[in-house]
């Protein structure tokens, strides 16, 4: 049976790194994540973490990067991960964002 998992989330960052997407991907082969900074004035920082097994070691797949207002970060993975976690923060506190994600697998 073919599985598709997709969605869209919006939110606001905090002054400390917090999870903006905590996505269980064990049954998905191909995965795409788009993170858009929807704030008009402030940048945000993000990083993407991967976990091979539940509760296991974390690998930083995308190191801390700054996303300017209106910019979109794009991630594509074919490798198997149990979970992908997208983290975001902002020095200015509350910065709005949108996360779109889609994964497919057999």
PDB file of N, CA and C in Angstrom:
ATOM      1  N   UNK A   1       0.843  -1.184   0.000  1.00  0.00           N
ATOM      2  CA  UNK A   1       0.000   0.000   0.000  1.00  0.00           C
ATOM      3  C   UNK A   1       0.890   1.249   0.000  1.00  0.00           C
ATOM      4  N   UNK A   2       0.597   2.190  -0.857  1.00  0.00           N
ATOM      5  CA  UNK A   2       1.351   3.429  -0.979  1.00  0.00           C
ATOM      6  C   UNK A   2       0.912   4.409   0.103  1.00  0.00           C
ATOM      7  N   UNK A   3       1.871   5.028   0.781  1.00  0.00           N
ATOM      8  CA  UNK A   3       1.570   5.952   1.871  1.00  0.00           C
ATOM      9  C   UNK A   3       2.023   7.349   1.481  1.00  0.00           C
ATOM     10  N   UNK A   4       1.180   8.335   1.751  1.00  0.00           N
ATOM     11  CA  UNK A   4       1.514   9.751   1.571  1.00  0.00           C
ATOM     12  C   UNK A   4       1.203  10.461   2.876  1.00  0.00           C
ATOM     13  N   UNK A   5       2.154  11.233   3.346  1.00  0.00           N
ATOM     14  CA  UNK A   5       1.957  12.032   4.555  1.00  0.00           C
ATOM     15  C   UNK A   5       2.340  13.459   4.208  1.00  0.00           C
ATOM     16  N   UNK A   6       1.382  14.370   4.312  1.00  0.00           N
ATOM     17  CA  UNK A   6       1.676  15.758   3.966  1.00  0.00           C
ATOM     18  C   UNK A   6       0.851  16.694   4.840  1.00  0.00           C
ATOM     19  N   UNK A   7       1.336  17.933   4.905  1.00  0.00           N
ATOM     20  CA  UNK A   7       0.614  18.918   5.693  1.00  0.00           C
ATOM     21  C   UNK A   7       1.276  20.276   5.621  1.00  0.00           C
ATOM     22  N   UNK A   8       0.668  21.211   6.313  1.00  0.00           N
ATOM     23  CA  UNK A   8       1.164  22.579   6.364  1.00  0.00           C
ATOM     24  C   UNK A   8       0.919  23.102   7.781  1.00  0.00           C
ATOM     25  N   UNK A   9       1.935  23.732   8.351  1.00  0.00           N
ATOM     26  CA  UNK A   9       1.853  24.268   9.704  1.00  0.00           C
ATOM     27  C   UNK A   9       2.279  25.723   9.696  1.00  0.00           C
ATOM     28  N   UNK A  10       1.664  26.532  10.530  1.00  0.00           N
ATOM     29  CA  UNK A  10       2.099  27.911  10.708  1.00  0.00           C
ATOM     30  C   UNK A  10       2.325  28.146  12.188  1.00  0.00           C
ATOM     31  N   UNK A  11       3.131  29.133  12.488  1.00  0.00           N
ATOM     32  CA  UNK A  11       3.397  29.439  13.882  1.00  0.00           C
ATOM     33  C   UNK A  11       4.273  30.658  14.022  1.00  0.00           C
ATOM     34  N   UNK A  12       4.759  30.834  15.244  1.00  0.00           N
ATOM     35  CA  UNK A  12       5.601  31.980  15.585  1.00  0.00           C
ATOM     36  C   UNK A  12       6.786  31.461  16.395  1.00  0.00           C
ATOM     37  N   UNK A  13       7.974  31.929  16.085  1.00  0.00           N
ATOM     38  CA  UNK A  13       9.174  31.489  16.796  1.00  0.00           C
ATOM     39  C   UNK A  13       9.214  32.072  18.202  1.00  0.00           C
ATOM     40  N   UNK A  14      10.111  31.509  19.015  1.00  0.00           N
ATOM     41  CA  UNK A  14      10.399  32.026  20.350  1.00  0.00           C
ATOM     42  C   UNK A  14      11.849  32.485  20.369  1.00  0.00           C
ATOM     43  N   UNK A  15      12.301  32.999  21.491  1.00  0.00           N
ATOM     44  CA  UNK A  15      13.677  33.476  21.619  1.00  0.00           C
ATOM     45  C   UNK A  15      14.672  32.315  21.710  1.00  0.00           C
ATOM     46  N   UNK A  16      14.190  31.091  21.957  1.00  0.00           N
ATOM     47  CA  UNK A  16      15.034  29.900  22.019  1.00  0.00           C
ATOM     48  C   UNK A  16      14.587  28.912  20.950  1.00  0.00           C
ATOM     49  N   UNK A  17      15.525  28.044  20.538  1.00  0.00           N
ATOM     50  CA  UNK A  17      15.162  27.032  19.543  1.00  0.00           C
ATOM     51  C   UNK A  17      13.994  26.192  20.047  1.00  0.00           C
ATOM     52  N   UNK A  18      13.015  26.001  19.184  1.00  0.00           N
ATOM     53  CA  UNK A  18      11.862  25.150  19.472  1.00  0.00           C
ATOM     54  C   UNK A  18      11.505  24.390  18.200  1.00  0.00           C
ATOM     55  N   UNK A  19      10.903  23.232  18.368  1.00  0.00           N
ATOM     56  CA  UNK A  19      10.514  22.396  17.244  1.00  0.00           C
ATOM     57  C   UNK A  19       9.327  23.016  16.505  1.00  0.00           C
ATOM     58  N   UNK A  20       9.478  23.213  15.189  1.00  0.00           N
ATOM     59  CA  UNK A  20       8.374  23.712  14.363  1.00  0.00           C
ATOM     60  C   UNK A  20       7.797  22.578  13.505  1.00  0.00           C
ATOM     61  N   UNK A  21       8.530  21.463  13.415  1.00  0.00           N
ATOM     62  CA  UNK A  21       8.047  20.256  12.746  1.00  0.00           C
ATOM     63  C   UNK A  21       8.743  19.069  13.378  1.00  0.00           C
ATOM     64  N   UNK A  22       7.982  18.144  13.944  1.00  0.00           N
ATOM     65  CA  UNK A  22       8.482  16.905  14.534  1.00  0.00           C
ATOM     66  C   UNK A  22       7.792  15.783  13.769  1.00  0.00           C
ATOM     67  N   UNK A  23       8.460  15.251  12.733  1.00  0.00           N
ATOM     68  CA  UNK A  23       7.816  14.425  11.717  1.00  0.00           C
ATOM     69  C   UNK A  23       8.350  13.000  11.746  1.00  0.00           C
ATOM     70  N   UNK A  24       7.510  12.042  12.068  1.00  0.00           N
ATOM     71  CA  UNK A  24       7.860  10.622  12.025  1.00  0.00           C
ATOM     72  C   UNK A  24       7.859  10.181  10.557  1.00  0.00           C
ATOM     73  N   UNK A  25       9.015   9.740  10.071  1.00  0.00           N
ATOM     74  CA  UNK A  25       9.162   9.455   8.643  1.00  0.00           C
ATOM     75  C   UNK A  25       9.630   8.025   8.355  1.00  0.00           C
ATOM     76  N   UNK A  26       9.544   7.125   9.332  1.00  0.00           N
ATOM     77  CA  UNK A  26      10.079   5.767   9.168  1.00  0.00           C
ATOM     78  C   UNK A  26       9.477   5.042   7.971  1.00  0.00           C
ATOM     79  N   UNK A  27       8.216   5.303   7.624  1.00  0.00           N
ATOM     80  CA  UNK A  27       7.561   4.604   6.521  1.00  0.00           C
ATOM     81  C   UNK A  27       7.654   5.358   5.197  1.00  0.00           C
ATOM     82  N   UNK A  28       8.412   6.438   5.171  1.00  0.00           N
ATOM     83  CA  UNK A  28       8.478   7.287   3.978  1.00  0.00           C
ATOM     84  C   UNK A  28       9.867   7.221   3.358  1.00  0.00           C
ATOM     85  N   UNK A  29       9.917   7.048   2.056  1.00  0.00           N
ATOM     86  CA  UNK A  29      11.195   7.024   1.351  1.00  0.00           C
ATOM     87  C   UNK A  29      11.629   8.411   0.917  1.00  0.00           C
ATOM     88  N   UNK A  30      10.751   9.121   0.238  1.00  0.00           N
ATOM     89  CA  UNK A  30      11.072  10.457  -0.267  1.00  0.00           C
ATOM     90  C   UNK A  30      10.357  11.487   0.588  1.00  0.00           C
ATOM     91  N   UNK A  31      11.113  12.530   0.975  1.00  0.00           N
ATOM     92  CA  UNK A  31      10.566  13.550   1.861  1.00  0.00           C
ATOM     93  C   UNK A  31      10.978  14.943   1.392  1.00  0.00           C
ATOM     94  N   UNK A  32      10.051  15.877   1.433  1.00  0.00           N
ATOM     95  CA  UNK A  32      10.320  17.273   1.091  1.00  0.00           C
ATOM     96  C   UNK A  32       9.771  18.164   2.201  1.00  0.00           C
ATOM     97  N   UNK A  33      10.575  19.140   2.593  1.00  0.00           N
ATOM     98  CA  UNK A  33      10.151  20.129   3.585  1.00  0.00           C
ATOM     99  C   UNK A  33      10.473  21.509   3.031  1.00  0.00           C
ATOM    100  N   UNK A  34       9.504  22.427   3.131  1.00  0.00           N
ATOM    101  CA  UNK A  34       9.711  23.834   2.781  1.00  0.00           C
ATOM    102  C   UNK A  34       9.420  24.666   4.023  1.00  0.00           C
ATOM    103  N   UNK A  35      10.354  25.523   4.388  1.00  0.00           N
ATOM    104  CA  UNK A  35      10.180  26.449   5.509  1.00  0.00           C
ATOM    105  C   UNK A  35      10.213  27.862   4.951  1.00  0.00           C
ATOM    106  N   UNK A  36       9.129  28.614   5.171  1.00  0.00           N
ATOM    107  CA  UNK A  36       9.075  29.997   4.698  1.00  0.00           C
ATOM    108  C   UNK A  36       9.016  30.936   5.886  1.00  0.00           C
ATOM    109  N   UNK A  37       9.859  31.960   5.847  1.00  0.00           N
ATOM    110  CA  UNK A  37       9.787  33.035   6.825  1.00  0.00           C
ATOM    111  C   UNK A  37       8.704  33.993   6.332  1.00  0.00           C
ATOM    112  N   UNK A  38       7.556  33.982   6.969  1.00  0.00           N
ATOM    113  CA  UNK A  38       6.428  34.810   6.531  1.00  0.00           C
ATOM    114  C   UNK A  38       6.396  36.162   7.223  1.00  0.00           C
ATOM    115  N   UNK A  39       7.385  36.435   8.063  1.00  0.00           N
ATOM    116  CA  UNK A  39       7.469  37.727   8.730  1.00  0.00           C
ATOM    117  C   UNK A  39       7.961  38.786   7.746  1.00  0.00           C
ATOM    118  N   UNK A  40       7.426  39.985   7.842  1.00  0.00           N
ATOM    119  CA  UNK A  40       7.788  41.044   6.893  1.00  0.00           C
ATOM    120  C   UNK A  40       9.066  41.779   7.272  1.00  0.00           C
ATOM    121  N   UNK A  41       9.492  41.681   8.543  1.00  0.00           N
ATOM    122  CA  UNK A  41      10.592  42.529   8.996  1.00  0.00           C
ATOM    123  C   UNK A  41      11.800  41.826   9.609  1.00  0.00           C
ATOM    124  N   UNK A  42      11.614  40.607  10.111  1.00  0.00           N
ATOM    125  CA  UNK A  42      12.686  39.983  10.890  1.00  0.00           C
ATOM    126  C   UNK A  42      13.106  38.645  10.292  1.00  0.00           C
ATOM    127  N   UNK A  43      14.385  38.318  10.445  1.00  0.00           N
ATOM    128  CA  UNK A  43      14.889  37.026   9.998  1.00  0.00           C
ATOM    129  C   UNK A  43      14.684  35.983  11.100  1.00  0.00           C
ATOM    130  N   UNK A  44      14.788  34.722  10.703  1.00  0.00           N
ATOM    131  CA  UNK A  44      14.744  33.638  11.688  1.00  0.00           C
ATOM    132  C   UNK A  44      15.905  32.703  11.423  1.00  0.00           C
ATOM    133  N   UNK A  45      16.266  31.916  12.432  1.00  0.00           N
ATOM    134  CA  UNK A  45      17.318  30.918  12.304  1.00  0.00           C
ATOM    135  C   UNK A  45      16.664  29.546  12.363  1.00  0.00           C
ATOM    136  N   UNK A  46      17.229  28.598  11.613  1.00  0.00           N
ATOM    137  CA  UNK A  46      16.695  27.243  11.644  1.00  0.00           C
ATOM    138  C   UNK A  46      17.829  26.231  11.568  1.00  0.00           C
ATOM    139  N   UNK A  47      17.509  25.002  11.943  1.00  0.00           N
ATOM    140  CA  UNK A  47      18.379  23.849  11.739  1.00  0.00           C
ATOM    141  C   UNK A  47      17.486  22.624  11.632  1.00  0.00           C
ATOM    142  N   UNK A  48      17.961  21.609  10.915  1.00  0.00           N
ATOM    143  CA  UNK A  48      17.193  20.382  10.705  1.00  0.00           C
ATOM    144  C   UNK A  48      17.961  19.217  11.311  1.00  0.00           C
ATOM    145  N   UNK A  49      17.251  18.406  12.109  1.00  0.00           N
ATOM    146  CA  UNK A  49      17.854  17.273  12.794  1.00  0.00           C
ATOM    147  C   UNK A  49      17.250  15.974  12.277  1.00  0.00           C
ATOM    148  N   UNK A  50      18.062  14.928  12.191  1.00  0.00           N
ATOM    149  CA  UNK A  50      17.595  13.610  11.781  1.00  0.00           C
ATOM    150  C   UNK A  50      17.902  12.587  12.848  1.00  0.00           C
ATOM    151  N   UNK A  51      16.988  11.635  13.033  1.00  0.00           N
ATOM    152  CA  UNK A  51      17.147  10.544  13.994  1.00  0.00           C
ATOM    153  C   UNK A  51      16.957   9.231  13.244  1.00  0.00           C
ATOM    154  N   UNK A  52      17.934   8.314  13.342  1.00  0.00           N
ATOM    155  CA  UNK A  52      17.847   7.030  12.652  1.00  0.00           C
ATOM    156  C   UNK A  52      16.892   6.073  13.361  1.00  0.00           C
ATOM    157  N   UNK A  53      16.850   6.141  14.690  1.00  0.00           N
ATOM    158  CA  UNK A  53      15.952   5.297  15.481  1.00  0.00           C
ATOM    159  C   UNK A  53      15.309   6.154  16.566  1.00  0.00           C
ATOM    160  N   UNK A  54      14.147   5.745  17.002  1.00  0.00           N
ATOM    161  CA  UNK A  54      13.434   6.475  18.057  1.00  0.00           C
ATOM    162  C   UNK A  54      14.283   6.512  19.324  1.00  0.00           C
ATOM    163  N   UNK A  55      14.491   7.714  19.850  1.00  0.00           N
ATOM    164  CA  UNK A  55      15.285   7.891  21.059  1.00  0.00           C
ATOM    165  C   UNK A  55      16.775   7.758  20.847  1.00  0.00           C
ATOM    166  N   UNK A  56      17.209   7.650  19.595  1.00  0.00           N
ATOM    167  CA  UNK A  56      18.623   7.440  19.293  1.00  0.00           C
ATOM    168  C   UNK A  56      19.394   8.742  19.114  1.00  0.00           C
ATOM    169  N   UNK A  57      20.564   8.601  18.544  1.00  0.00           N
ATOM    170  CA  UNK A  57      21.439   9.742  18.310  1.00  0.00           C
ATOM    171  C   UNK A  57      20.851  10.679  17.269  1.00  0.00           C
ATOM    172  N   UNK A  58      21.162  11.950  17.431  1.00  0.00           N
ATOM    173  CA  UNK A  58      20.701  12.992  16.520  1.00  0.00           C
ATOM    174  C   UNK A  58      21.844  13.379  15.587  1.00  0.00           C
ATOM    175  N   UNK A  59      21.515  13.592  14.319  1.00  0.00           N
ATOM    176  CA  UNK A  59      22.474  14.098  13.328  1.00  0.00           C
ATOM    177  C   UNK A  59      21.947  15.424  12.814  1.00  0.00           C
ATOM    178  N   UNK A  60      22.774  16.459  12.858  1.00  0.00           N
ATOM    179  CA  UNK A  60      22.369  17.765  12.349  1.00  0.00           C
ATOM    180  C   UNK A  60      22.506  17.746  10.829  1.00  0.00           C
ATOM    181  N   UNK A  61      21.381  17.693  10.127  1.00  0.00           N
ATOM    182  CA  UNK A  61      21.371  17.596   8.668  1.00  0.00           C
ATOM    183  C   UNK A  61      21.540  18.955   8.005  1.00  0.00           C
ATOM    184  N   UNK A  62      21.018  19.987   8.624  1.00  0.00           N
ATOM    185  CA  UNK A  62      21.202  21.365   8.149  1.00  0.00           C
ATOM    186  C   UNK A  62      21.629  22.180   9.351  1.00  0.00           C
ATOM    187  N   UNK A  63      22.842  22.709   9.301  1.00  0.00           N
ATOM    188  CA  UNK A  63      23.350  23.498  10.416  1.00  0.00           C
ATOM    189  C   UNK A  63      22.630  24.839  10.484  1.00  0.00           C
ATOM    190  N   UNK A  64      22.799  25.526  11.585  1.00  0.00           N
ATOM    191  CA  UNK A  64      22.102  26.799  11.794  1.00  0.00           C
ATOM    192  C   UNK A  64      22.295  27.736  10.602  1.00  0.00           C
ATOM    193  N   UNK A  65      21.174  28.174  10.062  1.00  0.00           N
ATOM    194  CA  UNK A  65      21.145  29.040   8.884  1.00  0.00           C
ATOM    195  C   UNK A  65      20.126  30.141   9.117  1.00  0.00           C
ATOM    196  N   UNK A  66      20.395  31.318   8.579  1.00  0.00           N
ATOM    197  CA  UNK A  66      19.473  32.454   8.726  1.00  0.00           C
ATOM    198  C   UNK A  66      18.596  32.546   7.488  1.00  0.00           C
ATOM    199  N   UNK A  67      17.305  32.748   7.716  1.00  0.00           N
ATOM    200  CA  UNK A  67      16.316  32.879   6.649  1.00  0.00           C
ATOM    201  C   UNK A  67      15.735  34.290   6.722  1.00  0.00           C
ATOM    202  N   UNK A  68      15.976  35.092   5.687  1.00  0.00           N
ATOM    203  CA  UNK A  68      15.503  36.481   5.635  1.00  0.00           C
ATOM    204  C   UNK A  68      13.986  36.520   5.439  1.00  0.00           C
ATOM    205  N   UNK A  69      13.372  37.656   5.726  1.00  0.00           N
ATOM    206  CA  UNK A  69      11.923  37.783   5.507  1.00  0.00           C
ATOM    207  C   UNK A  69      11.545  37.409   4.072  1.00  0.00           C
ATOM    208  N   UNK A  70      10.527  36.555   3.938  1.00  0.00           N
ATOM    209  CA  UNK A  70      10.044  36.144   2.630  1.00  0.00           C
ATOM    210  C   UNK A  70      10.795  34.994   1.992  1.00  0.00           C
ATOM    211  N   UNK A  71      11.971  34.619   2.507  1.00  0.00           N
ATOM    212  CA  UNK A  71      12.757  33.532   1.925  1.00  0.00           C
ATOM    213  C   UNK A  71      12.181  32.164   2.278  1.00  0.00           C
ATOM    214  N   UNK A  72      12.504  31.173   1.427  1.00  0.00           N
ATOM    215  CA  UNK A  72      12.068  29.793   1.628  1.00  0.00           C
ATOM    216  C   UNK A  72      13.294  28.884   1.636  1.00  0.00           C
ATOM    217  N   UNK A  73      13.385  28.020   2.650  1.00  0.00           N
ATOM    218  CA  UNK A  73      14.420  26.986   2.704  1.00  0.00           C
ATOM    219  C   UNK A  73      13.779  25.686   2.226  1.00  0.00           C
ATOM    220  N   UNK A  74      14.531  24.904   1.454  1.00  0.00           N
ATOM    221  CA  UNK A  74      13.999  23.684   0.833  1.00  0.00           C
ATOM    222  C   UNK A  74      14.885  22.497   1.200  1.00  0.00           C
ATOM    223  N   UNK A  75      14.263  21.393   1.623  1.00  0.00           N
ATOM    224  CA  UNK A  75      14.983  20.180   2.004  1.00  0.00           C
ATOM    225  C   UNK A  75      14.363  18.983   1.284  1.00  0.00           C
ATOM    226  N   UNK A  76      15.222  18.118   0.721  1.00  0.00           N
ATOM    227  CA  UNK A  76      14.775  16.884   0.063  1.00  0.00           C
ATOM    228  C   UNK A  76      15.630  15.736   0.590  1.00  0.00           C
ATOM    229  N   UNK A  77      14.980  14.649   1.000  1.00  0.00           N
ATOM    230  CA  UNK A  77      15.706  13.483   1.510  1.00  0.00           C
ATOM    231  C   UNK A  77      15.125  12.208   0.944  1.00  0.00           C
ATOM    232  N   UNK A  78      16.014  11.324   0.489  1.00  0.00           N
ATOM    233  CA  UNK A  78      15.624   9.985   0.070  1.00  0.00           C
ATOM    234  C   UNK A  78      16.102   8.962   1.095  1.00  0.00           C
ATOM    235  N   UNK A  79      17.083   9.333   1.894  1.00  0.00           N
ATOM    236  CA  UNK A  79      17.592   8.430   2.924  1.00  0.00           C
ATOM    237  C   UNK A  79      16.518   8.151   3.957  1.00  0.00           C
ATOM    238  N   UNK A  80      16.614   6.993   4.557  1.00  0.00           N
ATOM    239  CA  UNK A  80      15.653   6.598   5.580  1.00  0.00           C
ATOM    240  C   UNK A  80      15.999   7.258   6.911  1.00  0.00           C
ATOM    241  N   UNK A  81      15.018   7.893   7.511  1.00  0.00           N
ATOM    242  CA  UNK A  81      15.137   8.478   8.850  1.00  0.00           C
ATOM    243  C   UNK A  81      13.898   8.082   9.634  1.00  0.00           C
ATOM    244  N   UNK A  82      14.054   7.795  10.920  1.00  0.00           N
ATOM    245  CA  UNK A  82      12.896   7.522  11.765  1.00  0.00           C
ATOM    246  C   UNK A  82      12.108   8.802  11.996  1.00  0.00           C
ATOM    247  N   UNK A  83      12.855   9.911  12.177  1.00  0.00           N
ATOM    248  CA  UNK A  83      12.208  11.198  12.458  1.00  0.00           C
ATOM    249  C   UNK A  83      13.067  12.341  11.937  1.00  0.00           C
ATOM    250  N   UNK A  84      12.422  13.353  11.377  1.00  0.00           N
ATOM    251  CA  UNK A  84      13.065  14.616  11.024  1.00  0.00           C
ATOM    252  C   UNK A  84      12.452  15.693  11.905  1.00  0.00           C
ATOM    253  N   UNK A  85      13.304  16.529  12.467  1.00  0.00           N
ATOM    254  CA  UNK A  85      12.821  17.600  13.344  1.00  0.00           C
ATOM    255  C   UNK A  85      13.412  18.928  12.883  1.00  0.00           C
ATOM    256  N   UNK A  86      12.543  19.842  12.533  1.00  0.00           N
ATOM    257  CA  UNK A  86      12.941  21.180  12.107  1.00  0.00           C
ATOM    258  C   UNK A  86      12.802  22.115  13.297  1.00  0.00           C
ATOM    259  N   UNK A  87      13.879  22.809  13.627  1.00  0.00           N
ATOM    260  CA  UNK A  87      13.914  23.717  14.775  1.00  0.00           C
ATOM    261  C   UNK A  87      14.073  25.152  14.266  1.00  0.00           C
ATOM    262  N   UNK A  88      13.469  26.121  14.961  1.00  0.00           N
ATOM    263  CA  UNK A  88      13.592  27.525  14.555  1.00  0.00           C
ATOM    264  C   UNK A  88      13.608  28.425  15.783  1.00  0.00           C
ATOM    265  N   UNK A  89      14.213  29.590  15.608  1.00  0.00           N
ATOM    266  CA  UNK A  89      14.276  30.611  16.643  1.00  0.00           C
ATOM    267  C   UNK A  89      14.486  31.962  15.977  1.00  0.00           C
ATOM    268  N   UNK A  90      14.443  33.014  16.778  1.00  0.00           N
ATOM    269  CA  UNK A  90      14.735  34.353  16.272  1.00  0.00           C
ATOM    270  C   UNK A  90      15.245  35.222  17.405  1.00  0.00           C
ATOM    271  N   UNK A  91      16.252  36.037  17.108  1.00  0.00           N
ATOM    272  CA  UNK A  91      16.758  36.982  18.105  1.00  0.00           C
ATOM    273  C   UNK A  91      15.715  38.018  18.471  1.00  0.00           C
ATOM    274  N   UNK A  92      14.801  38.293  17.553  1.00  0.00           N
ATOM    275  CA  UNK A  92      13.772  39.300  17.807  1.00  0.00           C
ATOM    276  C   UNK A  92      12.527  38.691  18.454  1.00  0.00           C
ATOM    277  N   UNK A  93      12.592  37.397  18.806  1.00  0.00           N
ATOM    278  CA  UNK A  93      11.455  36.759  19.469  1.00  0.00           C
ATOM    279  C   UNK A  93      10.457  36.195  18.491  1.00  0.00           C
ATOM    280  N   UNK A  94       9.307  36.805  18.405  1.00  0.00           N
ATOM    281  CA  UNK A  94       8.193  36.263  17.623  1.00  0.00           C
ATOM    282  C   UNK A  94       8.305  36.599  16.135  1.00  0.00           C
ATOM    283  N   UNK A  95       8.668  35.593  15.335  1.00  0.00           N
ATOM    284  CA  UNK A  95       8.731  35.726  13.879  1.00  0.00           C
ATOM    285  C   UNK A  95       7.825  34.649  13.296  1.00  0.00           C
ATOM    286  N   UNK A  96       6.935  35.023  12.388  1.00  0.00           N
ATOM    287  CA  UNK A  96       5.982  34.058  11.832  1.00  0.00           C
ATOM    288  C   UNK A  96       6.637  33.223  10.732  1.00  0.00           C
ATOM    289  N   UNK A  97       6.164  31.978  10.610  1.00  0.00           N
ATOM    290  CA  UNK A  97       6.702  31.046   9.621  1.00  0.00           C
ATOM    291  C   UNK A  97       5.600  30.113   9.131  1.00  0.00           C
ATOM    292  N   UNK A  98       5.885  29.436   8.018  1.00  0.00           N
ATOM    293  CA  UNK A  98       5.020  28.382   7.500  1.00  0.00           C
ATOM    294  C   UNK A  98       5.898  27.209   7.094  1.00  0.00           C
ATOM    295  N   UNK A  99       5.504  26.004   7.479  1.00  0.00           N
ATOM    296  CA  UNK A  99       6.210  24.781   7.109  1.00  0.00           C
ATOM    297  C   UNK A  99       5.256  23.922   6.286  1.00  0.00           C
ATOM    298  N   UNK A 100       5.678  23.541   5.077  1.00  0.00           N
ATOM    299  CA  UNK A 100       4.940  22.601   4.239  1.00  0.00           C
ATOM    300  C   UNK A 100       5.800  21.342   4.124  1.00  0.00           C
ATOM    301  N   UNK A 101       5.165  20.177   4.210  1.00  0.00           N
ATOM    302  CA  UNK A 101       5.931  18.946   4.119  1.00  0.00           C
ATOM    303  C   UNK A 101       5.123  17.871   3.401  1.00  0.00           C
ATOM    304  N   UNK A 102       5.859  16.992   2.700  1.00  0.00           N
ATOM    305  CA  UNK A 102       5.225  15.861   2.027  1.00  0.00           C
ATOM    306  C   UNK A 102       6.231  14.724   1.939  1.00  0.00           C
ATOM    307  N   UNK A 103       5.755  13.525   2.215  1.00  0.00           N
ATOM    308  CA  UNK A 103       6.575  12.335   2.101  1.00  0.00           C
ATOM    309  C   UNK A 103       5.770  11.216   1.471  1.00  0.00           C
ATOM    310  N   UNK A 104       6.484  10.333   0.747  1.00  0.00           N
ATOM    311  CA  UNK A 104       5.821   9.201   0.097  1.00  0.00           C
ATOM    312  C   UNK A 104       6.638   7.935   0.353  1.00  0.00           C
ATOM    313  N   UNK A 105       5.934   6.825   0.464  1.00  0.00           N
ATOM    314  CA  UNK A 105       6.602   5.553   0.676  1.00  0.00           C
ATOM    315  C   UNK A 105       5.678   4.389   0.412  1.00  0.00           C
ATOM    316  N   UNK A 106       6.283   3.213   0.288  1.00  0.00           N
ATOM    317  CA  UNK A 106       5.503   1.996   0.037  1.00  0.00           C
ATOM    318  C   UNK A 106       5.093   1.346   1.340  1.00  0.00           C
TER     319      UNK A 106
END
